[in-house]
C-alpha atoms as a PDB file:
ATOM      1  CA  MET A   1      27.246 -10.465  34.489  1.00  0.00           C
ATOM      2  CA  ALA A   2      30.587  -8.751  34.000  1.00  0.00           C
ATOM      3  CA  THR A   3      32.741  -8.153  37.046  1.00  0.00           C
ATOM      4  CA  GLU A   4      33.921  -4.687  37.967  1.00  0.00           C
ATOM      5  CA  ALA A   5      37.481  -5.729  37.079  1.00  0.00           C
ATOM      6  CA  ALA A   6      36.378  -6.933  33.629  1.00  0.00           C
ATOM      7  CA  ILE A   7      34.546  -3.651  33.016  1.00  0.00           C
ATOM      8  CA  TYR A   8      37.597  -1.606  34.017  1.00  0.00           C
ATOM      9  CA  ASP A   9      39.793  -3.808  31.797  1.00  0.00           C
ATOM     10  CA  GLY A  10      37.482  -3.097  28.853  1.00  0.00           C
ATOM     11  CA  LEU A  11      37.284   0.605  29.628  1.00  0.00           C
ATOM     12  CA  THR A  12      41.067   0.783  29.899  1.00  0.00           C
ATOM     13  CA  GLU A  13      41.383  -0.801  26.457  1.00  0.00           C
ATOM     14  CA  VAL A  14      38.952   1.759  25.003  1.00  0.00           C
ATOM     15  CA  PHE A  15      40.703   4.707  26.673  1.00  0.00           C
ATOM     16  CA  HIS A  16      44.139   3.506  25.534  1.00  0.00           C
ATOM     17  CA  ASP A  17      42.831   3.285  21.957  1.00  0.00           C
ATOM     18  CA  VAL A  18      41.145   6.704  22.082  1.00  0.00           C
ATOM     19  CA  PHE A  19      44.047   8.570  23.653  1.00  0.00           C
ATOM     20  CA  GLY A  20      46.894   6.515  22.175  1.00  0.00           C
ATOM     21  CA  ASP A  21      48.439   6.368  25.647  1.00  0.00           C
ATOM     22  CA  ASP A  22      48.966   2.953  27.217  1.00  0.00           C
ATOM     23  CA  SER A  23      50.196   4.568  30.443  1.00  0.00           C
ATOM     24  CA  LEU A  24      46.755   6.034  31.199  1.00  0.00           C
ATOM     25  CA  THR A  25      45.455   4.425  34.406  1.00  0.00           C
ATOM     26  CA  LEU A  26      41.720   4.517  35.049  1.00  0.00           C
ATOM     27  CA  THR A  27      40.334   5.123  38.512  1.00  0.00           C
ATOM     28  CA  PRO A  28      36.709   5.636  39.552  1.00  0.00           C
ATOM     29  CA  THR A  29      37.342   9.337  40.219  1.00  0.00           C
ATOM     30  CA  LEU A  30      39.220  10.066  36.974  1.00  0.00           C
ATOM     31  CA  SER A  31      37.450  12.812  35.009  1.00  0.00           C
ATOM     32  CA  ALA A  32      37.917  14.777  31.808  1.00  0.00           C
ATOM     33  CA  GLU A  33      39.562  17.666  33.651  1.00  0.00           C
ATOM     34  CA  GLN A  34      42.425  15.357  34.672  1.00  0.00           C
ATOM     35  CA  VAL A  35      43.248  13.995  31.199  1.00  0.00           C
ATOM     36  CA  PRO A  36      44.872  16.269  28.625  1.00  0.00           C
ATOM     37  CA  GLY A  37      42.921  16.223  25.373  1.00  0.00           C
ATOM     38  CA  TRP A  38      39.713  14.771  26.845  1.00  0.00           C
ATOM     39  CA  ASP A  39      37.264  17.078  25.121  1.00  0.00           C
ATOM     40  CA  SER A  40      33.741  16.642  23.736  1.00  0.00           C
ATOM     41  CA  VAL A  41      34.994  15.010  20.530  1.00  0.00           C
ATOM     42  CA  ARG A  42      37.054  12.497  22.493  1.00  0.00           C
ATOM     43  CA  MET A  43      34.042  11.846  24.735  1.00  0.00           C
ATOM     44  CA  VAL A  44      31.958  10.861  21.715  1.00  0.00           C
ATOM     45  CA  THR A  45      34.771   8.559  20.596  1.00  0.00           C
ATOM     46  CA  ILE A  46      34.958   7.025  24.094  1.00  0.00           C
ATOM     47  CA  ILE A  47      31.200   6.398  24.151  1.00  0.00           C
ATOM     48  CA  LEU A  48      31.239   4.815  20.685  1.00  0.00           C
ATOM     49  CA  GLY A  49      34.181   2.632  21.728  1.00  0.00           C
ATOM     50  CA  VAL A  50      32.426   1.564  24.931  1.00  0.00           C
ATOM     51  CA  GLU A  51      29.239   0.719  23.021  1.00  0.00           C
ATOM     52  CA  GLN A  52      31.186  -1.374  20.528  1.00  0.00           C
ATOM     53  CA  HIS A  53      33.420  -3.090  23.095  1.00  0.00           C
ATOM     54  CA  PHE A  54      30.624  -4.059  25.490  1.00  0.00           C
ATOM     55  CA  GLY A  55      27.771  -4.416  22.992  1.00  0.00           C
ATOM     56  CA  VAL A  56      25.581  -1.884  24.783  1.00  0.00           C
ATOM     57  CA  LYS A  57      23.743   1.282  23.746  1.00  0.00           C
ATOM     58  CA  LEU A  58      24.173   4.398  25.879  1.00  0.00           C
ATOM     59  CA  ARG A  59      21.538   7.118  25.696  1.00  0.00           C
ATOM     60  CA  SER A  60      22.446  10.795  25.457  1.00  0.00           C
ATOM     61  CA  ARG A  61      20.740  11.636  28.729  1.00  0.00           C
ATOM     62  CA  GLU A  62      22.688   8.842  30.483  1.00  0.00           C
ATOM     63  CA  VAL A  63      25.987  10.073  29.035  1.00  0.00           C
ATOM     64  CA  ASP A  64      25.188  13.679  29.997  1.00  0.00           C
ATOM     65  CA  GLN A  65      24.981  12.627  33.670  1.00  0.00           C
ATOM     66  CA  LEU A  66      28.449  11.016  33.746  1.00  0.00           C
ATOM     67  CA  LYS A  67      30.949  12.869  35.899  1.00  0.00           C
ATOM     68  CA  ASN A  68      33.855  10.400  35.973  1.00  0.00           C
ATOM     69  CA  VAL A  69      35.072   6.942  34.968  1.00  0.00           C
ATOM     70  CA  GLY A  70      33.321   5.368  37.969  1.00  0.00           C
ATOM     71  CA  ASP A  71      29.964   6.654  36.700  1.00  0.00           C
ATOM     72  CA  LEU A  72      30.726   5.205  33.270  1.00  0.00           C
ATOM     73  CA  ALA A  73      31.703   1.839  34.759  1.00  0.00           C
ATOM     74  CA  ARG A  74      28.475   1.703  36.808  1.00  0.00           C
ATOM     75  CA  LEU A  75      26.412   2.591  33.717  1.00  0.00           C
ATOM     76  CA  VAL A  76      28.078  -0.174  31.689  1.00  0.00           C
ATOM     77  CA  GLN A  77      27.508  -2.650  34.541  1.00  0.00           C
ATOM     78  CA  ALA A  78      23.823  -1.688  34.703  1.00  0.00           C
ATOM     79  CA  LYS A  79      23.478  -2.156  30.938  1.00  0.00           C
ATOM     80  CA  LEU A  80      25.133  -5.571  31.105  1.00  0.00           C
ATOM     81  CA  GLY A  81      23.364  -6.508  34.335  1.00  0.00           C
END
C-alpha cells in the first residue's frame, strides 16, 4: 500500500510534467481554478499521467467527481489499496 507521501510525490511528478513548472506545489485543496492553464485538456493529460505513473485505471465517473488534488490522491490510494 502506497503512503500518502508517496502518492503526493507521484502526483507532483505528474503535475510538473504536465504543466512544465517544477515550482508547482500540490496541496489537498489545490484545484483547477488556482492553477493557470489547468483546463479540460490538461485534466485529461493529468489523468493519463496518473494512470501510467501508478498503474491504475480511473473511470470517467470517478474523475468527474474530483474537486481538488486531495480527492485525486484519495482516489489513487483507494485504487492501490
